[in-house]
Amino acid sequence: MESLRKLSIISFLAIGLGFGFTFFIASTTADQKEKHTAPLAAEPGTALYYAYECEAELGPLPHFSCLDCIEIPITQNGVQVTEDVDWCDNPAIFGDPCQVGNRVGRVEGMHENGDPRPEVSFLMFCRDGGIGVIGHNSETGATCFFSIKEGGVNAYGFIPGPRDPGYDDAWQTPQVVSDDHCVSCHMADPFLHTPWIDQVKDPKNPSETLVPMTGSLASPYFVVGDEFYQPAVGKLQRNECTRCHRGQCSSMFNGNLEDLYIPGSFWEDHYDQTMAEDLEALKAWCHSLDLPSHF
């Protein structure tokens, strides 16, 4: 229980720092969009149509597979366990906090000619036999959310891309993905950072986390597709809680923002009445937003 309590504080602060969900809605000009080969015909609202919309912002979509992902370790007192446990050193912020077997992977974007596009990252997350993907352009803010259909394809095998047969049979439509309220969790920025997922380091640079640190108060962020609602726009004035990072509003995490307390469970923590008042202001701001899912 103490781990979960600590989680609620760490999650909220870390979320704003990394991607972590005042928001900025960016727009892309025609010159900023990837110039790629004209796609095949696709019906609006289909997974394939959405893939083409995203390729215009992010470049060609790569193939995704959980085989290319790294397992997120679950430990007790620093020792990795091989089965689900009741408590762990770094619990997850959603789902089963100490579930083993979850995996995360990262693929760098590329241009149509195959040249690398380092400003574009695709993050894969594998859990319960499925795979979800977030594609993000850190320069324009364009972001796409994808998820395969449950039972429709093997997440550890070949998953069709937009140029392969059966794409619509493998991937959910953007409306189905949106109905899962992606932006409720990924509200401040596209990529969430917590001690749980940041255990996984970039194999190419072990000093950095695998999930890229792209978020800041000024970084652009918008979601591609009319089916998705956009991150909330607003900034709390003179509020210390959002001085360094954006605010996050959601009741979908294991640790609810309503349950946060001052002082937090940090080393050398201290009580600050001003911060406590700012936290209450942040809660009130969240309640004022017209979000599909909020606390």
C-alpha atoms as a PDB file:
ATOM      1  CA  MET A   1       0.000   0.000   0.000  1.00  0.00           C
ATOM      2  CA  GLU A   2       2.910   2.326   0.772  1.00  0.00           C
ATOM      3  CA  SER A   3       4.306   1.623  -2.685  1.00  0.00           C
ATOM      4  CA  LEU A   4       1.015   2.612  -4.253  1.00  0.00           C
ATOM      5  CA  ARG A   5       0.835   5.744  -2.128  1.00  0.00           C
ATOM      6  CA  LYS A   6       4.326   6.692  -3.203  1.00  0.00           C
ATOM      7  CA  LEU A   7       3.326   5.897  -6.750  1.00  0.00           C
ATOM      8  CA  SER A   8       0.487   8.401  -6.716  1.00  0.00           C
ATOM      9  CA  ILE A   9       2.881  11.258  -5.957  1.00  0.00           C
ATOM     10  CA  ILE A  10       5.672  10.130  -8.264  1.00  0.00           C
ATOM     11  CA  SER A  11       3.300   9.414 -11.125  1.00  0.00           C
ATOM     12  CA  PHE A  12       1.788  12.867 -11.070  1.00  0.00           C
ATOM     13  CA  LEU A  13       5.121  14.660 -11.036  1.00  0.00           C
ATOM     14  CA  ALA A  14       6.883  12.357 -13.454  1.00  0.00           C
ATOM     15  CA  ILE A  15       4.001  12.395 -15.910  1.00  0.00           C
ATOM     16  CA  GLY A  16       4.440  16.070 -16.616  1.00  0.00           C
ATOM     17  CA  LEU A  17       8.205  15.845 -16.896  1.00  0.00           C
ATOM     18  CA  GLY A  18       8.345  13.236 -19.585  1.00  0.00           C
ATOM     19  CA  PHE A  19       5.555  13.156 -21.690  1.00  0.00           C
ATOM     20  CA  GLY A  20       3.942  13.145 -18.300  1.00  0.00           C
ATOM     21  CA  PHE A  21      -0.243  13.310 -20.495  1.00  0.00           C
ATOM     22  CA  THR A  22      -1.176  24.388 -19.866  1.00  0.00           C
ATOM     23  CA  PHE A  23      -1.216  22.433 -23.151  1.00  0.00           C
ATOM     24  CA  PHE A  24      -0.233  23.628 -26.563  1.00  0.00           C
ATOM     25  CA  ILE A  25      -2.105  22.673 -29.705  1.00  0.00           C
ATOM     26  CA  ALA A  26       0.213  22.754 -32.701  1.00  0.00           C
ATOM     27  CA  SER A  27      -0.581  22.882 -36.356  1.00  0.00           C
ATOM     28  CA  THR A  28       1.474  21.551 -39.233  1.00  0.00           C
ATOM     29  CA  THR A  29       1.945  23.299 -42.510  1.00  0.00           C
ATOM     30  CA  ALA A  30       2.028  21.493 -45.816  1.00  0.00           C
ATOM     31  CA  ASP A  31       5.817  21.962 -45.930  1.00  0.00           C
ATOM     32  CA  GLN A  32       6.229  20.261 -42.548  1.00  0.00           C
ATOM     33  CA  LYS A  33       4.319  17.159 -43.536  1.00  0.00           C
ATOM     34  CA  GLU A  34       6.077  14.120 -44.895  1.00  0.00           C
ATOM     35  CA  LYS A  35       6.014  13.980 -48.671  1.00  0.00           C
ATOM     36  CA  HIS A  36       5.349  10.321 -49.376  1.00  0.00           C
ATOM     37  CA  THR A  37       3.928   8.196 -52.123  1.00  0.00           C
ATOM     38  CA  ALA A  38       0.190   8.653 -52.613  1.00  0.00           C
ATOM     39  CA  PRO A  39      -1.608   5.958 -50.579  1.00  0.00           C
ATOM     40  CA  LEU A  40      -4.040   3.418 -51.880  1.00  0.00           C
ATOM     41  CA  ALA A  41      -7.732   4.166 -51.542  1.00  0.00           C
ATOM     42  CA  ALA A  42      -9.144   3.824 -48.044  1.00  0.00           C
ATOM     43  CA  GLU A  43     -12.526   4.575 -46.516  1.00  0.00           C
ATOM     44  CA  PRO A  44     -12.636   7.417 -43.969  1.00  0.00           C
ATOM     45  CA  GLY A  45     -12.962   6.114 -40.428  1.00  0.00           C
ATOM     46  CA  THR A  46     -11.084   2.887 -41.128  1.00  0.00           C
ATOM     47  CA  ALA A  47      -7.799   1.918 -39.536  1.00  0.00           C
ATOM     48  CA  LEU A  48      -6.123   2.145 -42.935  1.00  0.00           C
ATOM     49  CA  TYR A  49      -7.391   5.666 -43.572  1.00  0.00           C
ATOM     50  CA  TYR A  50      -6.095   6.737 -40.166  1.00  0.00           C
ATOM     51  CA  ALA A  51      -2.727   5.149 -40.922  1.00  0.00           C
ATOM     52  CA  TYR A  52      -2.453   7.309 -44.045  1.00  0.00           C
ATOM     53  CA  GLU A  53      -3.414  10.409 -42.050  1.00  0.00           C
ATOM     54  CA  CYS A  54      -0.633   9.617 -39.593  1.00  0.00           C
ATOM     55  CA  GLU A  55       1.915   8.931 -42.312  1.00  0.00           C
ATOM     56  CA  ALA A  56       1.329  12.460 -43.612  1.00  0.00           C
ATOM     57  CA  GLU A  57       2.518  13.736 -40.213  1.00  0.00           C
ATOM     58  CA  LEU A  58       5.029  11.101 -39.089  1.00  0.00           C
ATOM     59  CA  GLY A  59       6.322   9.514 -42.270  1.00  0.00           C
ATOM     60  CA  PRO A  60       6.010   5.816 -43.220  1.00  0.00           C
ATOM     61  CA  LEU A  61       4.704   3.588 -40.442  1.00  0.00           C
ATOM     62  CA  PRO A  62       7.148   0.785 -39.623  1.00  0.00           C
ATOM     63  CA  HIS A  63       6.143  -2.765 -38.793  1.00  0.00           C
ATOM     64  CA  PHE A  64       5.528  -3.312 -35.080  1.00  0.00           C
ATOM     65  CA  SER A  65       5.995  -6.468 -33.003  1.00  0.00           C
ATOM     66  CA  CYS A  66       6.340  -7.298 -29.331  1.00  0.00           C
ATOM     67  CA  LEU A  67       9.377  -9.353 -30.301  1.00  0.00           C
ATOM     68  CA  ASP A  68      11.192  -6.040 -30.718  1.00  0.00           C
ATOM     69  CA  CYS A  69      10.323  -4.885 -27.198  1.00  0.00           C
ATOM     70  CA  ILE A  70      12.099  -5.147 -23.846  1.00  0.00           C
ATOM     71  CA  GLU A  71      10.455  -6.575 -20.744  1.00  0.00           C
ATOM     72  CA  ILE A  72       9.808  -4.105 -17.927  1.00  0.00           C
ATOM     73  CA  PRO A  73      11.284  -5.709 -14.793  1.00  0.00           C
ATOM     74  CA  ILE A  74       9.232  -6.248 -11.653  1.00  0.00           C
ATOM     75  CA  THR A  75      11.410  -6.389  -8.534  1.00  0.00           C
ATOM     76  CA  GLN A  76      11.081  -6.828  -4.793  1.00  0.00           C
ATOM     77  CA  ASN A  77      13.939  -5.295  -2.817  1.00  0.00           C
ATOM     78  CA  GLY A  78      15.914  -5.099  -6.034  1.00  0.00           C
ATOM     79  CA  VAL A  79      15.473  -8.746  -7.034  1.00  0.00           C
ATOM     80  CA  GLN A  80      13.516  -9.446 -10.216  1.00  0.00           C
ATOM     81  CA  VAL A  81      10.521 -11.758  -9.828  1.00  0.00           C
ATOM     82  CA  THR A  82       9.030 -14.016 -12.495  1.00  0.00           C
ATOM     83  CA  GLU A  83       5.371 -14.013 -11.464  1.00  0.00           C
ATOM     84  CA  ASP A  84       2.801 -11.419 -10.406  1.00  0.00           C
ATOM     85  CA  VAL A  85       3.209 -10.235  -6.816  1.00  0.00           C
ATOM     86  CA  ASP A  86       1.185  -8.132  -4.377  1.00  0.00           C
ATOM     87  CA  TRP A  87       3.837  -5.441  -4.022  1.00  0.00           C
ATOM     88  CA  CYS A  88       6.922  -4.334  -5.903  1.00  0.00           C
ATOM     89  CA  ASP A  89       9.600  -1.663  -5.821  1.00  0.00           C
ATOM     90  CA  ASN A  90       8.280   0.263  -8.825  1.00  0.00           C
ATOM     91  CA  PRO A  91       4.557  -0.362  -9.384  1.00  0.00           C
ATOM     92  CA  ALA A  92       2.829   0.592 -12.626  1.00  0.00           C
ATOM     93  CA  ILE A  93       0.464   3.562 -12.695  1.00  0.00           C
ATOM     94  CA  PHE A  94      -2.321   1.608 -14.392  1.00  0.00           C
ATOM     95  CA  GLY A  95      -3.570  -1.954 -14.604  1.00  0.00           C
ATOM     96  CA  ASP A  96      -2.058  -4.551 -12.287  1.00  0.00           C
ATOM     97  CA  PRO A  97       0.696  -2.583 -10.529  1.00  0.00           C
ATOM     98  CA  CYS A  98       3.063  -5.542 -10.258  1.00  0.00           C
ATOM     99  CA  GLN A  99       2.205  -7.619 -13.321  1.00  0.00           C
ATOM    100  CA  VAL A 100       5.169  -9.328 -14.970  1.00  0.00           C
ATOM    101  CA  GLY A 101       5.650  -9.670 -18.703  1.00  0.00           C
ATOM    102  CA  ASN A 102       4.795  -6.142 -19.887  1.00  0.00           C
ATOM    103  CA  ARG A 103       7.140  -4.914 -22.591  1.00  0.00           C
ATOM    104  CA  VAL A 104       8.096  -1.604 -24.187  1.00  0.00           C
ATOM    105  CA  GLY A 105       9.900  -0.868 -27.434  1.00  0.00           C
ATOM    106  CA  ARG A 106      10.945   2.098 -29.520  1.00  0.00           C
ATOM    107  CA  VAL A 107      11.366   2.578 -33.263  1.00  0.00           C
ATOM    108  CA  GLU A 108      12.828   5.716 -34.811  1.00  0.00           C
ATOM    109  CA  GLY A 109      10.901   7.281 -37.659  1.00  0.00           C
ATOM    110  CA  MET A 110      12.210   7.541 -41.181  1.00  0.00           C
ATOM    111  CA  HIS A 111      11.625   9.453 -44.375  1.00  0.00           C
ATOM    112  CA  GLU A 112      10.167   7.913 -47.502  1.00  0.00           C
ATOM    113  CA  ASN A 113      13.679   7.364 -48.877  1.00  0.00           C
ATOM    114  CA  GLY A 114      14.760   5.505 -45.744  1.00  0.00           C
ATOM    115  CA  ASP A 115      16.787   8.315 -44.184  1.00  0.00           C
ATOM    116  CA  PRO A 116      16.409   8.520 -40.386  1.00  0.00           C
ATOM    117  CA  ARG A 117      13.954  10.977 -38.910  1.00  0.00           C
ATOM    118  CA  PRO A 118      15.081  11.368 -35.272  1.00  0.00           C
ATOM    119  CA  GLU A 119      12.321  13.827 -34.377  1.00  0.00           C
ATOM    120  CA  VAL A 120       9.784  11.017 -34.855  1.00  0.00           C
ATOM    121  CA  SER A 121       9.503   8.162 -32.363  1.00  0.00           C
ATOM    122  CA  PHE A 122       7.131   5.203 -32.220  1.00  0.00           C
ATOM    123  CA  LEU A 123       6.633   3.649 -28.773  1.00  0.00           C
ATOM    124  CA  MET A 124       5.233   0.127 -28.553  1.00  0.00           C
ATOM    125  CA  PHE A 125       3.650  -1.193 -25.374  1.00  0.00           C
ATOM    126  CA  CYS A 126       2.779  -4.874 -24.995  1.00  0.00           C
ATOM    127  CA  ARG A 127       0.409  -6.133 -22.314  1.00  0.00           C
ATOM    128  CA  ASP A 128      -2.080  -8.997 -21.988  1.00  0.00           C
ATOM    129  CA  GLY A 129      -1.367 -10.290 -25.478  1.00  0.00           C
ATOM    130  CA  GLY A 130      -1.988  -6.972 -27.212  1.00  0.00           C
ATOM    131  CA  ILE A 131       0.108  -4.118 -28.507  1.00  0.00           C
ATOM    132  CA  GLY A 132      -0.513  -0.383 -28.492  1.00  0.00           C
ATOM    133  CA  VAL A 133       1.609   2.185 -30.319  1.00  0.00           C
ATOM    134  CA  ILE A 134       2.134   5.917 -29.916  1.00  0.00           C
ATOM    135  CA  GLY A 135       3.802   7.818 -32.745  1.00  0.00           C
ATOM    136  CA  HIS A 136       5.019  11.338 -32.008  1.00  0.00           C
ATOM    137  CA  ASN A 137       6.770  14.111 -33.923  1.00  0.00           C
ATOM    138  CA  SER A 138       8.581  16.208 -31.324  1.00  0.00           C
ATOM    139  CA  GLU A 139       9.020  19.157 -33.719  1.00  0.00           C
ATOM    140  CA  THR A 140       5.391  19.581 -34.797  1.00  0.00           C
ATOM    141  CA  GLY A 141       3.617  17.870 -31.888  1.00  0.00           C
ATOM    142  CA  ALA A 142       1.691  15.502 -34.192  1.00  0.00           C
ATOM    143  CA  THR A 143       0.761  12.340 -32.284  1.00  0.00           C
ATOM    144  CA  CYS A 144      -1.058   9.151 -33.273  1.00  0.00           C
ATOM    145  CA  PHE A 145      -2.465   6.336 -31.146  1.00  0.00           C
ATOM    146  CA  PHE A 146      -2.825   2.786 -32.494  1.00  0.00           C
ATOM    147  CA  SER A 147      -3.987  -0.522 -31.027  1.00  0.00           C
ATOM    148  CA  ILE A 148      -4.407  -3.967 -32.538  1.00  0.00           C
ATOM    149  CA  LYS A 149      -7.726  -5.770 -32.372  1.00  0.00           C
ATOM    150  CA  GLU A 150      -8.120  -8.214 -29.508  1.00  0.00           C
ATOM    151  CA  GLY A 151      -7.614 -11.716 -30.839  1.00  0.00           C
ATOM    152  CA  GLY A 152      -7.184 -10.440 -34.377  1.00  0.00           C
ATOM    153  CA  VAL A 153      -3.436 -10.910 -34.758  1.00  0.00           C
ATOM    154  CA  ASN A 154      -0.467 -12.323 -32.866  1.00  0.00           C
ATOM    155  CA  ALA A 155       1.338  -9.401 -31.220  1.00  0.00           C
ATOM    156  CA  TYR A 156       4.533 -11.476 -31.194  1.00  0.00           C
ATOM    157  CA  GLY A 157       4.272 -12.394 -34.871  1.00  0.00           C
ATOM    158  CA  PHE A 158       3.844 -10.518 -38.121  1.00  0.00           C
ATOM    159  CA  ILE A 159       1.484  -7.561 -37.835  1.00  0.00           C
ATOM    160  CA  PRO A 160       0.391  -6.031 -41.153  1.00  0.00           C
ATOM    161  CA  GLY A 161       1.488  -2.516 -42.022  1.00  0.00           C
ATOM    162  CA  PRO A 162      -0.482  -0.054 -44.185  1.00  0.00           C
ATOM    163  CA  ARG A 163       0.961  -1.531 -47.399  1.00  0.00           C
ATOM    164  CA  ASP A 164       0.162  -5.136 -46.428  1.00  0.00           C
ATOM    165  CA  PRO A 165      -3.103  -7.035 -46.956  1.00  0.00           C
ATOM    166  CA  GLY A 166      -5.332  -7.323 -43.897  1.00  0.00           C
ATOM    167  CA  TYR A 167      -4.406  -4.066 -42.168  1.00  0.00           C
ATOM    168  CA  ASP A 168      -8.013  -3.270 -41.258  1.00  0.00           C
ATOM    169  CA  ASP A 169      -8.452  -6.793 -39.913  1.00  0.00           C
ATOM    170  CA  ALA A 170      -5.506  -6.367 -37.555  1.00  0.00           C
ATOM    171  CA  TRP A 171      -5.857  -2.798 -36.249  1.00  0.00           C
ATOM    172  CA  GLN A 172      -8.674  -1.018 -34.427  1.00  0.00           C
ATOM    173  CA  THR A 173     -10.427   1.917 -36.052  1.00  0.00           C
ATOM    174  CA  PRO A 174      -9.459   5.355 -34.689  1.00  0.00           C
ATOM    175  CA  GLN A 175     -12.914   5.748 -33.126  1.00  0.00           C
ATOM    176  CA  VAL A 176     -12.496   2.547 -31.108  1.00  0.00           C
ATOM    177  CA  VAL A 177      -9.045   3.687 -29.990  1.00  0.00           C
ATOM    178  CA  SER A 178     -10.364   7.133 -29.087  1.00  0.00           C
ATOM    179  CA  ASP A 179     -13.221   5.619 -27.076  1.00  0.00           C
ATOM    180  CA  ASP A 180     -10.572   4.115 -24.816  1.00  0.00           C
ATOM    181  CA  HIS A 181      -9.735   7.713 -23.780  1.00  0.00           C
ATOM    182  CA  CYS A 182      -6.043   7.706 -24.657  1.00  0.00           C
ATOM    183  CA  VAL A 183      -5.785  11.441 -24.036  1.00  0.00           C
ATOM    184  CA  SER A 184      -7.186  11.115 -20.514  1.00  0.00           C
ATOM    185  CA  CYS A 185      -3.933   9.437 -19.494  1.00  0.00           C
ATOM    186  CA  HIS A 186      -1.656  10.984 -22.103  1.00  0.00           C
ATOM    187  CA  MET A 187      -2.943  14.451 -21.324  1.00  0.00           C
ATOM    188  CA  ALA A 188       0.123  16.585 -20.679  1.00  0.00           C
ATOM    189  CA  ASP A 189       2.368  14.952 -23.270  1.00  0.00           C
ATOM    190  CA  PRO A 190       2.384  11.791 -25.412  1.00  0.00           C
ATOM    191  CA  PHE A 191       4.857   9.721 -23.379  1.00  0.00           C
ATOM    192  CA  LEU A 192       4.348   8.852 -19.720  1.00  0.00           C
ATOM    193  CA  HIS A 193       7.353   8.583 -17.407  1.00  0.00           C
ATOM    194  CA  THR A 194       7.351   6.818 -14.042  1.00  0.00           C
ATOM    195  CA  PRO A 195      10.018   4.843 -12.147  1.00  0.00           C
ATOM    196  CA  TRP A 196       8.282   1.681 -13.425  1.00  0.00           C
ATOM    197  CA  ILE A 197       8.756   2.230 -17.156  1.00  0.00           C
ATOM    198  CA  ASP A 198      11.963   4.240 -16.860  1.00  0.00           C
ATOM    199  CA  GLN A 199      13.759   1.163 -15.569  1.00  0.00           C
ATOM    200  CA  VAL A 200      14.123   0.291 -19.261  1.00  0.00           C
ATOM    201  CA  LYS A 201      17.069   2.114 -20.805  1.00  0.00           C
ATOM    202  CA  ASP A 202      17.868   2.828 -24.435  1.00  0.00           C
ATOM    203  CA  PRO A 203      20.170  -0.018 -25.584  1.00  0.00           C
ATOM    204  CA  LYS A 204      21.959   2.461 -27.863  1.00  0.00           C
ATOM    205  CA  ASN A 205      22.550   4.863 -24.969  1.00  0.00           C
ATOM    206  CA  PRO A 206      22.068   3.247 -21.530  1.00  0.00           C
ATOM    207  CA  SER A 207      22.327   6.643 -19.843  1.00  0.00           C
ATOM    208  CA  GLU A 208      18.932   7.566 -21.302  1.00  0.00           C
ATOM    209  CA  THR A 209      15.495   6.050 -20.838  1.00  0.00           C
ATOM    210  CA  LEU A 210      14.023   4.051 -23.700  1.00  0.00           C
ATOM    211  CA  VAL A 211      10.909   6.215 -23.591  1.00  0.00           C
ATOM    212  CA  PRO A 212      12.186   9.577 -24.878  1.00  0.00           C
ATOM    213  CA  MET A 213      12.094  12.710 -22.751  1.00  0.00           C
ATOM    214  CA  THR A 214      10.336  15.052 -25.167  1.00  0.00           C
ATOM    215  CA  GLY A 215       7.904  17.014 -23.021  1.00  0.00           C
ATOM    216  CA  SER A 216       8.233  20.533 -21.647  1.00  0.00           C
ATOM    217  CA  LEU A 217       5.965  23.471 -20.961  1.00  0.00           C
ATOM    218  CA  ALA A 218       6.611  24.727 -24.489  1.00  0.00           C
ATOM    219  CA  SER A 219       6.642  21.479 -26.472  1.00  0.00           C
ATOM    220  CA  PRO A 220       3.849  21.121 -29.058  1.00  0.00           C
ATOM    221  CA  TYR A 221       1.330  18.283 -28.750  1.00  0.00           C
ATOM    222  CA  PHE A 222      -1.813  17.504 -30.712  1.00  0.00           C
ATOM    223  CA  VAL A 223      -3.531  14.276 -31.703  1.00  0.00           C
ATOM    224  CA  VAL A 224      -4.102  13.414 -35.353  1.00  0.00           C
ATOM    225  CA  GLY A 225      -7.625  12.397 -36.369  1.00  0.00           C
ATOM    226  CA  ASP A 226     -11.061  13.951 -35.997  1.00  0.00           C
ATOM    227  CA  GLU A 227     -12.122  10.993 -33.835  1.00  0.00           C
ATOM    228  CA  PHE A 228      -9.850  12.101 -30.990  1.00  0.00           C
ATOM    229  CA  TYR A 229     -10.465  14.944 -28.563  1.00  0.00           C
ATOM    230  CA  GLN A 230      -7.477  17.195 -28.045  1.00  0.00           C
ATOM    231  CA  PRO A 231      -5.387  17.704 -24.900  1.00  0.00           C
ATOM    232  CA  ALA A 232      -6.852  20.383 -22.662  1.00  0.00           C
ATOM    233  CA  VAL A 233      -5.630  23.901 -23.381  1.00  0.00           C
ATOM    234  CA  GLY A 234      -4.906  26.079 -20.400  1.00  0.00           C
ATOM    235  CA  LYS A 235      -2.280  27.167 -17.942  1.00  0.00           C
ATOM    236  CA  LEU A 236      -2.594  27.669 -14.231  1.00  0.00           C
ATOM    237  CA  GLN A 237      -1.227  31.105 -13.504  1.00  0.00           C
ATOM    238  CA  ARG A 238       1.219  31.482 -10.607  1.00  0.00           C
ATOM    239  CA  ASN A 239       0.894  27.828  -9.664  1.00  0.00           C
ATOM    240  CA  GLU A 240       4.007  26.016  -8.474  1.00  0.00           C
ATOM    241  CA  CYS A 241       2.584  22.616  -9.441  1.00  0.00           C
ATOM    242  CA  THR A 242       2.802  23.534 -13.134  1.00  0.00           C
ATOM    243  CA  ARG A 243       5.857  25.773 -13.038  1.00  0.00           C
ATOM    244  CA  CYS A 244       8.115  23.010 -14.399  1.00  0.00           C
ATOM    245  CA  HIS A 245       5.644  20.673 -16.085  1.00  0.00           C
ATOM    246  CA  ARG A 246       2.061  20.478 -17.266  1.00  0.00           C
ATOM    247  CA  GLY A 247      -0.912  19.434 -15.206  1.00  0.00           C
ATOM    248  CA  GLN A 248      -2.471  15.968 -15.485  1.00  0.00           C
ATOM    249  CA  CYS A 249      -6.100  15.140 -14.830  1.00  0.00           C
ATOM    250  CA  SER A 250      -7.348  11.557 -14.782  1.00  0.00           C
ATOM    251  CA  SER A 251      -9.076   9.054 -12.525  1.00  0.00           C
ATOM    252  CA  MET A 252      -7.798   6.162 -14.627  1.00  0.00           C
ATOM    253  CA  PHE A 253      -4.479   5.720 -12.794  1.00  0.00           C
ATOM    254  CA  ASN A 254      -3.913   3.455  -9.814  1.00  0.00           C
ATOM    255  CA  GLY A 255      -3.024   6.580  -7.865  1.00  0.00           C
ATOM    256  CA  ASN A 256      -5.695   9.289  -8.178  1.00  0.00           C
ATOM    257  CA  LEU A 257      -4.692  12.939  -8.112  1.00  0.00           C
ATOM    258  CA  GLU A 258      -7.388  13.419  -5.461  1.00  0.00           C
ATOM    259  CA  ASP A 259      -5.369  11.126  -3.195  1.00  0.00           C
ATOM    260  CA  LEU A 260      -2.149  13.104  -3.393  1.00  0.00           C
ATOM    261  CA  TYR A 261      -1.055  14.737  -0.207  1.00  0.00           C
ATOM    262  CA  ILE A 262       1.398  17.398   0.929  1.00  0.00           C
ATOM    263  CA  PRO A 263       4.148  16.765   1.830  1.00  0.00           C
ATOM    264  CA  GLY A 264       4.897  13.959  -0.601  1.00  0.00           C
ATOM    265  CA  SER A 265       6.752  10.769   0.220  1.00  0.00           C
ATOM    266  CA  PHE A 266      10.109  12.068  -1.017  1.00  0.00           C
ATOM    267  CA  TRP A 267      13.479  12.149   0.652  1.00  0.00           C
ATOM    268  CA  GLU A 268      13.964  15.443   2.476  1.00  0.00           C
ATOM    269  CA  ASP A 269      10.300  16.287   1.968  1.00  0.00           C
ATOM    270  CA  HIS A 270       8.798  19.225   3.764  1.00  0.00           C
ATOM    271  CA  TYR A 271       5.433  20.855   4.266  1.00  0.00           C
ATOM    272  CA  ASP A 272       4.727  23.924   2.179  1.00  0.00           C
ATOM    273  CA  GLN A 273       1.326  25.525   2.667  1.00  0.00           C
ATOM    274  CA  THR A 274       1.629  27.383  -0.651  1.00  0.00           C
ATOM    275  CA  MET A 275       2.173  24.123  -2.505  1.00  0.00           C
ATOM    276  CA  ALA A 276      -0.822  22.598  -0.746  1.00  0.00           C
ATOM    277  CA  GLU A 277      -2.974  25.496  -1.923  1.00  0.00           C
ATOM    278  CA  ASP A 278      -1.577  25.146  -5.451  1.00  0.00           C
ATOM    279  CA  LEU A 279      -2.480  21.465  -5.441  1.00  0.00           C
ATOM    280  CA  GLU A 280      -6.062  22.334  -4.516  1.00  0.00           C
ATOM    281  CA  ALA A 281      -6.103  24.883  -7.352  1.00  0.00           C
ATOM    282  CA  LEU A 282      -4.877  22.206  -9.737  1.00  0.00           C
ATOM    283  CA  LYS A 283      -7.667  19.859  -8.643  1.00  0.00           C
ATOM    284  CA  ALA A 284     -10.235  22.626  -9.175  1.00  0.00           C
ATOM    285  CA  TRP A 285      -8.810  23.328 -12.634  1.00  0.00           C
ATOM    286  CA  CYS A 286      -9.123  19.667 -13.555  1.00  0.00           C
ATOM    287  CA  HIS A 287     -12.727  19.589 -12.393  1.00  0.00           C
ATOM    288  CA  SER A 288     -13.478  22.603 -14.585  1.00  0.00           C
ATOM    289  CA  LEU A 289     -12.402  20.846 -17.786  1.00  0.00           C
ATOM    290  CA  ASP A 290     -14.992  19.221 -20.005  1.00  0.00           C
ATOM    291  CA  LEU A 291     -13.149  15.902 -20.304  1.00  0.00           C
ATOM    292  CA  PRO A 292     -14.738  12.565 -21.260  1.00  0.00           C
ATOM    293  CA  SER A 293     -13.061  10.948 -18.295  1.00  0.00           C
ATOM    294  CA  HIS A 294     -11.935  12.929 -15.288  1.00  0.00           C
ATOM    295  CA  PHE A 295     -12.009  12.696 -11.525  1.00  0.00           C
END
